[in-house]
C-alpha atoms as a PDB file:
ATOM      1  CA  MET A   1      98.697 169.535 116.788  1.00  0.00           C
ATOM      2  CA  ARG A   2     102.045 170.039 118.532  1.00  0.00           C
ATOM      3  CA  LYS A   3     105.123 169.026 116.558  1.00  0.00           C
ATOM      4  CA  GLN A   4     107.500 166.541 118.149  1.00  0.00           C
ATOM      5  CA  TYR A   5     111.196 166.631 117.384  1.00  0.00           C
ATOM      6  CA  ARG A   6     114.123 164.291 117.947  1.00  0.00           C
ATOM      7  CA  SER A   7     115.532 166.701 120.532  1.00  0.00           C
ATOM      8  CA  SER A   8     115.179 170.241 121.858  1.00  0.00           C
ATOM      9  CA  LEU A   9     118.171 171.174 119.703  1.00  0.00           C
ATOM     10  CA  MET A  10     116.362 169.971 116.571  1.00  0.00           C
ATOM     11  CA  ALA A  11     113.308 171.988 117.623  1.00  0.00           C
ATOM     12  CA  SER A  12     115.428 175.140 117.859  1.00  0.00           C
ATOM     13  CA  VAL A  13     117.133 174.499 114.531  1.00  0.00           C
ATOM     14  CA  HIS A  14     113.762 173.818 112.885  1.00  0.00           C
ATOM     15  CA  GLU A  15     112.327 177.042 114.264  1.00  0.00           C
ATOM     16  CA  THR A  16     115.280 178.930 112.755  1.00  0.00           C
ATOM     17  CA  ALA A  17     114.793 177.175 109.405  1.00  0.00           C
ATOM     18  CA  GLU A  18     111.097 178.115 109.418  1.00  0.00           C
ATOM     19  CA  GLY A  19     112.111 181.728 109.930  1.00  0.00           C
ATOM     20  CA  LEU A  20     114.550 181.528 107.019  1.00  0.00           C
ATOM     21  CA  HIS A  21     111.841 179.957 104.862  1.00  0.00           C
ATOM     22  CA  GLY A  22     109.420 182.724 105.825  1.00  0.00           C
ATOM     23  CA  ALA A  23     112.030 185.333 104.849  1.00  0.00           C
ATOM     24  CA  GLY A  24     112.491 183.653 101.465  1.00  0.00           C
ATOM     25  CA  ILE A  25     116.049 182.435 102.129  1.00  0.00           C
ATOM     26  CA  LEU A  26     115.143 178.723 102.176  1.00  0.00           C
ATOM     27  CA  ASP A  27     113.065 177.412  99.291  1.00  0.00           C
ATOM     28  CA  LYS A  28     110.035 175.162  99.741  1.00  0.00           C
ATOM     29  CA  ARG A  29     111.838 171.993  98.609  1.00  0.00           C
ATOM     30  CA  THR A  30     114.697 172.470 101.079  1.00  0.00           C
ATOM     31  CA  MET A  31     112.206 173.150 103.870  1.00  0.00           C
ATOM     32  CA  ARG A  32     110.321 169.912 103.059  1.00  0.00           C
ATOM     33  CA  GLU A  33     113.558 167.927 103.187  1.00  0.00           C
ATOM     34  CA  PHE A  34     114.474 169.600 106.456  1.00  0.00           C
ATOM     35  CA  ASP A  35     111.038 168.776 107.900  1.00  0.00           C
ATOM     36  CA  GLY A  36     111.620 165.108 107.108  1.00  0.00           C
ATOM     37  CA  LEU A  37     114.962 165.099 108.900  1.00  0.00           C
ATOM     38  CA  CYS A  38     113.460 166.621 112.039  1.00  0.00           C
ATOM     39  CA  LEU A  39     110.601 164.135 112.454  1.00  0.00           C
ATOM     40  CA  THR A  40     110.691 161.724 115.350  1.00  0.00           C
ATOM     41  CA  PRO A  41     111.734 158.334 113.940  1.00  0.00           C
ATOM     42  CA  VAL A  42     109.443 155.328 114.221  1.00  0.00           C
ATOM     43  CA  ARG A  43     111.319 152.255 115.360  1.00  0.00           C
ATOM     44  CA  ALA A  44     110.485 148.802 114.050  1.00  0.00           C
ATOM     45  CA  LEU A  45     108.736 146.500 116.525  1.00  0.00           C
ATOM     46  CA  LYS A  46     109.659 142.866 117.098  1.00  0.00           C
ATOM     47  CA  PRO A  47     106.927 140.203 116.972  1.00  0.00           C
ATOM     48  CA  ASN A  48     106.997 139.662 120.751  1.00  0.00           C
ATOM     49  CA  GLU A  49     106.703 143.445 121.309  1.00  0.00           C
ATOM     50  CA  ILE A  50     103.590 143.630 119.134  1.00  0.00           C
ATOM     51  CA  ARG A  51     102.000 140.727 121.005  1.00  0.00           C
ATOM     52  CA  ALA A  52     102.947 142.233 124.377  1.00  0.00           C
ATOM     53  CA  LEU A  53     101.466 145.563 123.286  1.00  0.00           C
ATOM     54  CA  ARG A  54      98.196 143.927 122.269  1.00  0.00           C
ATOM     55  CA  LEU A  55      98.019 141.960 125.527  1.00  0.00           C
ATOM     56  CA  ARG A  56      98.859 145.085 127.549  1.00  0.00           C
ATOM     57  CA  GLU A  57      95.839 146.748 125.963  1.00  0.00           C
ATOM     58  CA  GLY A  58      93.677 143.704 126.727  1.00  0.00           C
ATOM     59  CA  ALA A  59      92.561 143.232 123.133  1.00  0.00           C
ATOM     60  CA  SER A  60      92.092 140.118 121.044  1.00  0.00           C
ATOM     61  CA  GLN A  61      93.772 140.017 117.639  1.00  0.00           C
ATOM     62  CA  ALA A  62      90.426 140.792 115.998  1.00  0.00           C
ATOM     63  CA  VAL A  63      89.744 143.840 118.176  1.00  0.00           C
ATOM     64  CA  PHE A  64      93.330 145.078 117.880  1.00  0.00           C
ATOM     65  CA  ALA A  65      93.100 144.729 114.088  1.00  0.00           C
ATOM     66  CA  ARG A  66      89.894 146.766 113.998  1.00  0.00           C
ATOM     67  CA  TYR A  67      91.558 149.613 115.902  1.00  0.00           C
ATOM     68  CA  LEU A  68      94.426 149.582 113.389  1.00  0.00           C
ATOM     69  CA  ASN A  69      92.013 149.292 110.438  1.00  0.00           C
ATOM     70  CA  VAL A  70      93.541 146.055 109.173  1.00  0.00           C
ATOM     71  CA  THR A  71      92.252 142.489 109.026  1.00  0.00           C
ATOM     72  CA  THR A  72      93.161 139.913 111.658  1.00  0.00           C
ATOM     73  CA  GLY A  73      95.607 138.246 109.254  1.00  0.00           C
ATOM     74  CA  PRO A  74      98.329 140.919 109.378  1.00  0.00           C
ATOM     75  CA  VAL A  75      98.200 141.150 113.177  1.00  0.00           C
ATOM     76  CA  SER A  76      98.670 137.389 113.414  1.00  0.00           C
ATOM     77  CA  GLN A  77     101.512 137.479 110.882  1.00  0.00           C
ATOM     78  CA  TRP A  78     103.231 140.354 112.721  1.00  0.00           C
ATOM     79  CA  GLU A  79     103.059 138.457 116.006  1.00  0.00           C
ATOM     80  CA  ARG A  80     104.489 135.291 114.408  1.00  0.00           C
ATOM     81  CA  GLY A  81     107.239 137.250 112.649  1.00  0.00           C
ATOM     82  CA  GLU A  82     106.085 136.273 109.161  1.00  0.00           C
ATOM     83  CA  LYS A  83     105.647 139.911 108.171  1.00  0.00           C
ATOM     84  CA  ARG A  84     106.659 143.264 109.630  1.00  0.00           C
ATOM     85  CA  PRO A  85     104.327 146.240 109.947  1.00  0.00           C
ATOM     86  CA  GLN A  86     105.258 149.138 107.691  1.00  0.00           C
ATOM     87  CA  GLY A  87     104.060 152.624 106.867  1.00  0.00           C
ATOM     88  CA  ALA A  88     100.826 153.727 108.478  1.00  0.00           C
ATOM     89  CA  SER A  89     100.433 150.466 110.426  1.00  0.00           C
ATOM     90  CA  LEU A  90     103.840 150.895 112.038  1.00  0.00           C
ATOM     91  CA  LYS A  91     103.039 154.526 112.908  1.00  0.00           C
ATOM     92  CA  LEU A  92      99.725 153.483 114.487  1.00  0.00           C
ATOM     93  CA  LEU A  93     101.472 150.761 116.500  1.00  0.00           C
ATOM     94  CA  SER A  94     103.963 153.362 117.689  1.00  0.00           C
ATOM     95  CA  LEU A  95     101.120 155.639 118.802  1.00  0.00           C
ATOM     96  CA  VAL A  96      99.421 152.773 120.630  1.00  0.00           C
ATOM     97  CA  SER A  97     102.721 151.922 122.300  1.00  0.00           C
ATOM     98  CA  LYS A  98     103.159 155.481 123.575  1.00  0.00           C
ATOM     99  CA  ASN A  99      99.573 156.523 124.270  1.00  0.00           C
ATOM    100  CA  GLY A 100      97.440 153.397 124.502  1.00  0.00           C
ATOM    101  CA  LEU A 101      94.778 151.979 122.237  1.00  0.00           C
ATOM    102  CA  GLN A 102      92.452 154.925 122.832  1.00  0.00           C
ATOM    103  CA  ALA A 103      94.912 157.134 120.907  1.00  0.00           C
ATOM    104  CA  VAL A 104      93.749 155.514 117.670  1.00  0.00           C
ATOM    105  CA  ALA A 105      90.104 154.978 118.595  1.00  0.00           C
END
């Protein structure tokens, strides 16, 4: 799987850090922290964006929930703004937003 970085500059810096880690100059803990800083951030989605995403994909709440491996309840609550997706659910929604529902099928 290809890594995705915030920018091409971050990709270059990360490549250098990996080299330093391989040479024993950076310890494992520092490299883990650096990896976390270089990851592409996942932005929070507003309720209307989640609904628009589901409608764009032509899925009912039940079908959309099955793709995300959640029950229908959370999808409904996200769309009404009662709750916000977090963690793995937010990452899956981000993937669906970028690559379509088939990305998580």
